[in-house]
C-alpha atoms as a PDB file:
ATOM      1  CA  MET A   1      -8.300 -21.580  -6.924  1.00  0.00           C
ATOM      2  CA  SER A   2     -10.362 -18.539  -6.652  1.00  0.00           C
ATOM      3  CA  ASN A   3     -10.051 -15.087  -8.070  1.00  0.00           C
ATOM      4  CA  THR A   4     -10.409 -13.744  -4.369  1.00  0.00           C
ATOM      5  CA  ILE A   5      -8.029 -10.513  -3.844  1.00  0.00           C
ATOM      6  CA  ARG A   6      -7.409  -9.255  -0.377  1.00  0.00           C
ATOM      7  CA  LEU A   7      -7.161  -5.840   0.316  1.00  0.00           C
ATOM      8  CA  LEU A   8      -5.059  -5.395   3.413  1.00  0.00           C
ATOM      9  CA  ASN A   9      -5.547  -1.951   4.985  1.00  0.00           C
ATOM     10  CA  ALA A  10      -3.411   0.067   7.118  1.00  0.00           C
ATOM     11  CA  ASP A  11      -5.896  -0.134   9.998  1.00  0.00           C
ATOM     12  CA  GLY A  12      -5.246  -3.968  10.330  1.00  0.00           C
ATOM     13  CA  THR A  13      -8.634  -4.890   8.418  1.00  0.00           C
ATOM     14  CA  ILE A  14      -8.718  -7.464   5.503  1.00  0.00           C
ATOM     15  CA  GLU A  15     -11.557  -7.213   2.879  1.00  0.00           C
ATOM     16  CA  GLU A  16     -11.978  -9.627   0.153  1.00  0.00           C
ATOM     17  CA  LEU A  17     -12.726  -8.390  -3.444  1.00  0.00           C
ATOM     18  CA  ASP A  18     -13.441 -10.076  -6.521  1.00  0.00           C
ATOM     19  CA  ALA A  19     -11.354  -9.654  -9.759  1.00  0.00           C
ATOM     20  CA  ILE A  20     -14.222  -7.320 -11.152  1.00  0.00           C
ATOM     21  CA  GLU A  21     -13.980  -5.057  -8.100  1.00  0.00           C
ATOM     22  CA  ALA A  22     -10.128  -4.800  -8.430  1.00  0.00           C
ATOM     23  CA  SER A  23     -10.491  -4.265 -12.118  1.00  0.00           C
ATOM     24  CA  GLN A  24     -12.613  -0.943 -11.404  1.00  0.00           C
ATOM     25  CA  PHE A  25      -8.814   0.720 -10.165  1.00  0.00           C
ATOM     26  CA  MET A  26      -6.568   2.523 -12.151  1.00  0.00           C
ATOM     27  CA  TYR A  27      -3.163   0.862 -12.255  1.00  0.00           C
ATOM     28  CA  LEU A  28       0.296   1.988 -12.633  1.00  0.00           C
ATOM     29  CA  ASP A  29       3.456  -0.063 -13.598  1.00  0.00           C
ATOM     30  CA  GLY A  30       5.958   0.604 -10.502  1.00  0.00           C
ATOM     31  CA  GLU A  31       8.646   1.062 -13.233  1.00  0.00           C
ATOM     32  CA  ILE A  32       7.151   4.074 -14.759  1.00  0.00           C
ATOM     33  CA  ASP A  33       9.229   7.301 -15.352  1.00  0.00           C
ATOM     34  CA  LEU A  34       7.746   9.837 -13.428  1.00  0.00           C
ATOM     35  CA  ALA A  35       8.642  12.115 -16.389  1.00  0.00           C
ATOM     36  CA  GLN A  36       6.109  10.186 -18.463  1.00  0.00           C
ATOM     37  CA  LEU A  37       3.564  10.352 -15.765  1.00  0.00           C
ATOM     38  CA  ASN A  38       0.785  13.428 -16.620  1.00  0.00           C
ATOM     39  CA  ALA A  39      -0.840  14.454 -13.825  1.00  0.00           C
ATOM     40  CA  ASN A  40      -4.162  14.414 -16.012  1.00  0.00           C
ATOM     41  CA  VAL A  41      -3.955  10.711 -16.266  1.00  0.00           C
ATOM     42  CA  ILE A  42      -4.234  10.310 -12.552  1.00  0.00           C
ATOM     43  CA  THR A  43      -7.972  10.741 -11.533  1.00  0.00           C
ATOM     44  CA  ALA A  44      -9.258  10.911  -7.993  1.00  0.00           C
ATOM     45  CA  GLY A  45     -10.357   7.241  -8.102  1.00  0.00           C
ATOM     46  CA  PRO A  46      -8.175   4.398  -6.151  1.00  0.00           C
ATOM     47  CA  LEU A  47      -4.868   4.140  -7.693  1.00  0.00           C
ATOM     48  CA  VAL A  48      -2.976   0.737  -7.680  1.00  0.00           C
ATOM     49  CA  ILE A  49       0.747   0.901  -7.912  1.00  0.00           C
ATOM     50  CA  GLU A  50       1.769  -2.408  -9.397  1.00  0.00           C
ATOM     51  CA  PHE A  51       5.288  -3.943  -7.863  1.00  0.00           C
ATOM     52  CA  ASN A  52       7.109  -6.135 -10.590  1.00  0.00           C
ATOM     53  CA  GLY A  53       9.616  -7.685  -8.368  1.00  0.00           C
ATOM     54  CA  VAL A  54      10.365  -8.488  -4.752  1.00  0.00           C
ATOM     55  CA  ALA A  55      13.499  -6.640  -4.659  1.00  0.00           C
ATOM     56  CA  ASP A  56      12.104  -3.572  -6.365  1.00  0.00           C
ATOM     57  CA  GLY A  57      11.277  -0.664  -4.128  1.00  0.00           C
ATOM     58  CA  ARG A  58      10.647   1.883  -7.019  1.00  0.00           C
ATOM     59  CA  GLY A  59       6.938   1.748  -6.196  1.00  0.00           C
ATOM     60  CA  PHE A  60       7.390   3.128  -2.995  1.00  0.00           C
ATOM     61  CA  SER A  61       9.278   5.939  -4.388  1.00  0.00           C
ATOM     62  CA  LEU A  62       6.685   6.422  -7.173  1.00  0.00           C
ATOM     63  CA  ALA A  63       4.061   6.609  -4.215  1.00  0.00           C
ATOM     64  CA  LYS A  64       5.504   9.336  -2.566  1.00  0.00           C
ATOM     65  CA  ALA A  65       6.285  11.364  -5.714  1.00  0.00           C
ATOM     66  CA  VAL A  66       2.526  10.610  -6.957  1.00  0.00           C
ATOM     67  CA  GLN A  67       1.264  12.284  -3.575  1.00  0.00           C
ATOM     68  CA  GLY A  68       3.888  15.108  -3.638  1.00  0.00           C
ATOM     69  CA  SER A  69       4.736  16.194  -7.213  1.00  0.00           C
ATOM     70  CA  LEU A  70       1.104  15.205  -8.561  1.00  0.00           C
ATOM     71  CA  ASN A  71      -1.041  16.097  -5.643  1.00  0.00           C
ATOM     72  CA  TYR A  72      -2.878  13.125  -5.944  1.00  0.00           C
ATOM     73  CA  GLY A  73      -5.036  12.801  -2.977  1.00  0.00           C
ATOM     74  CA  GLY A  74      -7.115   9.684  -3.805  1.00  0.00           C
ATOM     75  CA  ARG A  75      -6.811   6.073  -2.330  1.00  0.00           C
ATOM     76  CA  LEU A  76      -3.467   4.649  -3.137  1.00  0.00           C
ATOM     77  CA  TYR A  77      -2.742   0.904  -3.089  1.00  0.00           C
ATOM     78  CA  ALA A  78       0.046  -1.140  -3.514  1.00  0.00           C
ATOM     79  CA  ALA A  79      -0.179  -4.687  -5.664  1.00  0.00           C
ATOM     80  CA  GLY A  80       2.032  -7.390  -7.190  1.00  0.00           C
ATOM     81  CA  PHE A  81       5.400  -8.556  -5.544  1.00  0.00           C
ATOM     82  CA  VAL A  82       4.876  -7.039  -2.115  1.00  0.00           C
ATOM     83  CA  ASN A  83       5.902  -9.405   0.867  1.00  0.00           C
ATOM     84  CA  PRO A  84       4.121  -9.444   4.490  1.00  0.00           C
ATOM     85  CA  ASP A  85       7.469  -7.688   5.724  1.00  0.00           C
ATOM     86  CA  GLN A  86       6.990  -4.817   3.326  1.00  0.00           C
ATOM     87  CA  LEU A  87       3.638  -3.704   4.854  1.00  0.00           C
ATOM     88  CA  SER A  88       4.589  -1.362   7.218  1.00  0.00           C
ATOM     89  CA  LEU A  89       7.035   0.429   4.761  1.00  0.00           C
ATOM     90  CA  ALA A  90       4.080   0.604   2.205  1.00  0.00           C
ATOM     91  CA  PHE A  91       1.742   2.111   4.955  1.00  0.00           C
ATOM     92  CA  GLN A  92       4.707   4.568   5.838  1.00  0.00           C
ATOM     93  CA  THR A  93       5.142   5.682   2.284  1.00  0.00           C
ATOM     94  CA  GLY A  94       1.270   6.397   1.933  1.00  0.00           C
ATOM     95  CA  PHE A  95      -0.290   3.314   0.613  1.00  0.00           C
ATOM     96  CA  HIS A  96      -3.878   3.013   2.324  1.00  0.00           C
ATOM     97  CA  GLY A  97      -3.577  -0.789   1.635  1.00  0.00           C
ATOM     98  CA  VAL A  98      -2.065  -3.585  -0.172  1.00  0.00           C
ATOM     99  CA  LEU A  99      -3.912  -5.734  -2.786  1.00  0.00           C
ATOM    100  CA  VAL A 100      -2.667  -9.411  -2.319  1.00  0.00           C
ATOM    101  CA  SER A 101      -3.808 -12.149  -4.851  1.00  0.00           C
ATOM    102  CA  ASP A 102      -4.482 -15.677  -3.594  1.00  0.00           C
ATOM    103  CA  GLU A 103      -1.213 -16.899  -4.851  1.00  0.00           C
ATOM    104  CA  ARG A 104       0.708 -14.524  -2.885  1.00  0.00           C
ATOM    105  CA  TRP A 105      -1.578 -15.203   0.172  1.00  0.00           C
ATOM    106  CA  GLU A 106      -0.613 -18.602  -0.174  1.00  0.00           C
ATOM    107  CA  ASP A 107       3.066 -18.361  -0.834  1.00  0.00           C
ATOM    108  CA  TYR A 108       3.442 -16.658   2.717  1.00  0.00           C
ATOM    109  CA  GLY A 109       0.689 -18.145   4.492  1.00  0.00           C
ATOM    110  CA  SER A 110      -2.428 -16.471   6.226  1.00  0.00           C
ATOM    111  CA  GLU A 111      -0.499 -16.367   9.457  1.00  0.00           C
ATOM    112  CA  SER A 112       2.327 -14.398   7.931  1.00  0.00           C
ATOM    113  CA  TRP A 113       0.195 -11.806   6.555  1.00  0.00           C
ATOM    114  CA  GLN A 114      -1.878 -11.626   9.455  1.00  0.00           C
ATOM    115  CA  SER A 115       1.056 -10.828  11.961  1.00  0.00           C
ATOM    116  CA  ALA A 116       2.432  -8.196   9.596  1.00  0.00           C
ATOM    117  CA  LEU A 117      -1.177  -6.494  10.299  1.00  0.00           C
ATOM    118  CA  SER A 118      -1.000  -7.209  14.136  1.00  0.00           C
ATOM    119  CA  PRO A 119      -1.617  -4.106  16.018  1.00  0.00           C
ATOM    120  CA  ILE A 120       1.838  -3.630  17.591  1.00  0.00           C
ATOM    121  CA  VAL A 121       3.061  -3.205  13.787  1.00  0.00           C
ATOM    122  CA  ASN A 122       0.458  -0.701  12.973  1.00  0.00           C
ATOM    123  CA  LEU A 123       0.932   0.974  16.257  1.00  0.00           C
ATOM    124  CA  SER A 124       4.812   1.079  16.023  1.00  0.00           C
ATOM    125  CA  TYR A 125       5.077   1.982  12.530  1.00  0.00           C
ATOM    126  CA  ALA A 126       1.734   3.452  10.723  1.00  0.00           C
ATOM    127  CA  GLY A 127       1.051   6.703  11.570  1.00  0.00           C
ATOM    128  CA  THR A 128      -1.618   7.491  14.371  1.00  0.00           C
ATOM    129  CA  GLN A 129      -4.244  10.402  14.757  1.00  0.00           C
ATOM    130  CA  SER A 130      -4.285  10.039  18.511  1.00  0.00           C
ATOM    131  CA  PRO A 131      -2.993  13.233  20.163  1.00  0.00           C
ATOM    132  CA  LYS A 132      -1.521  11.107  22.862  1.00  0.00           C
ATOM    133  CA  LEU A 133       0.053   7.829  21.008  1.00  0.00           C
ATOM    134  CA  LYS A 134       2.778   8.451  18.349  1.00  0.00           C
ATOM    135  CA  SER A 135       4.042   5.908  16.171  1.00  0.00           C
ATOM    136  CA  ILE A 136       7.927   5.306  16.209  1.00  0.00           C
ATOM    137  CA  PHE A 137       7.671   6.660  12.773  1.00  0.00           C
ATOM    138  CA  GLN A 138       6.156   9.939  13.806  1.00  0.00           C
ATOM    139  CA  MET A 139       8.531  10.326  16.595  1.00  0.00           C
ATOM    140  CA  ARG A 140      11.657   9.770  14.841  1.00  0.00           C
ATOM    141  CA  HIS A 141      10.917  12.125  11.796  1.00  0.00           C
ATOM    142  CA  GLY A 142       8.725  14.824  13.880  1.00  0.00           C
ATOM    143  CA  ALA A 143       5.573  14.101  12.231  1.00  0.00           C
ATOM    144  CA  TYR A 144       3.065  14.771  14.458  1.00  0.00           C
ATOM    145  CA  SER A 145       0.004  15.480  12.548  1.00  0.00           C
END
């Protein structure tokens, strides 16, 4: 098995990274207490929030908090136990992409991952910058920018 890590982007593209490229990111445990997180620790470089279990949604809350109260403006990625059906939620909560290991990719199969990235999912749930097309999420929550 190779050490390829797939980066599934909110725009529906998939990039392949090697382990060395992925190790350049700053990783945060998704279970970290926000009170322990010092804004000075967070750099403007790519930040990865590690999900430790399939039923643990704390990483989504942490993503919103990091972007909000800590004013993080860099690229934000999810990794670990993220499933294909969680991709749209990841993009809604501000993740720019999801890092998927070979093992996770094979657990669900390429068709599941690619289907979760389909244009219909992205158009329906991920935010758009189009003045004419609004996502379902944007229409429901009045987010038009």
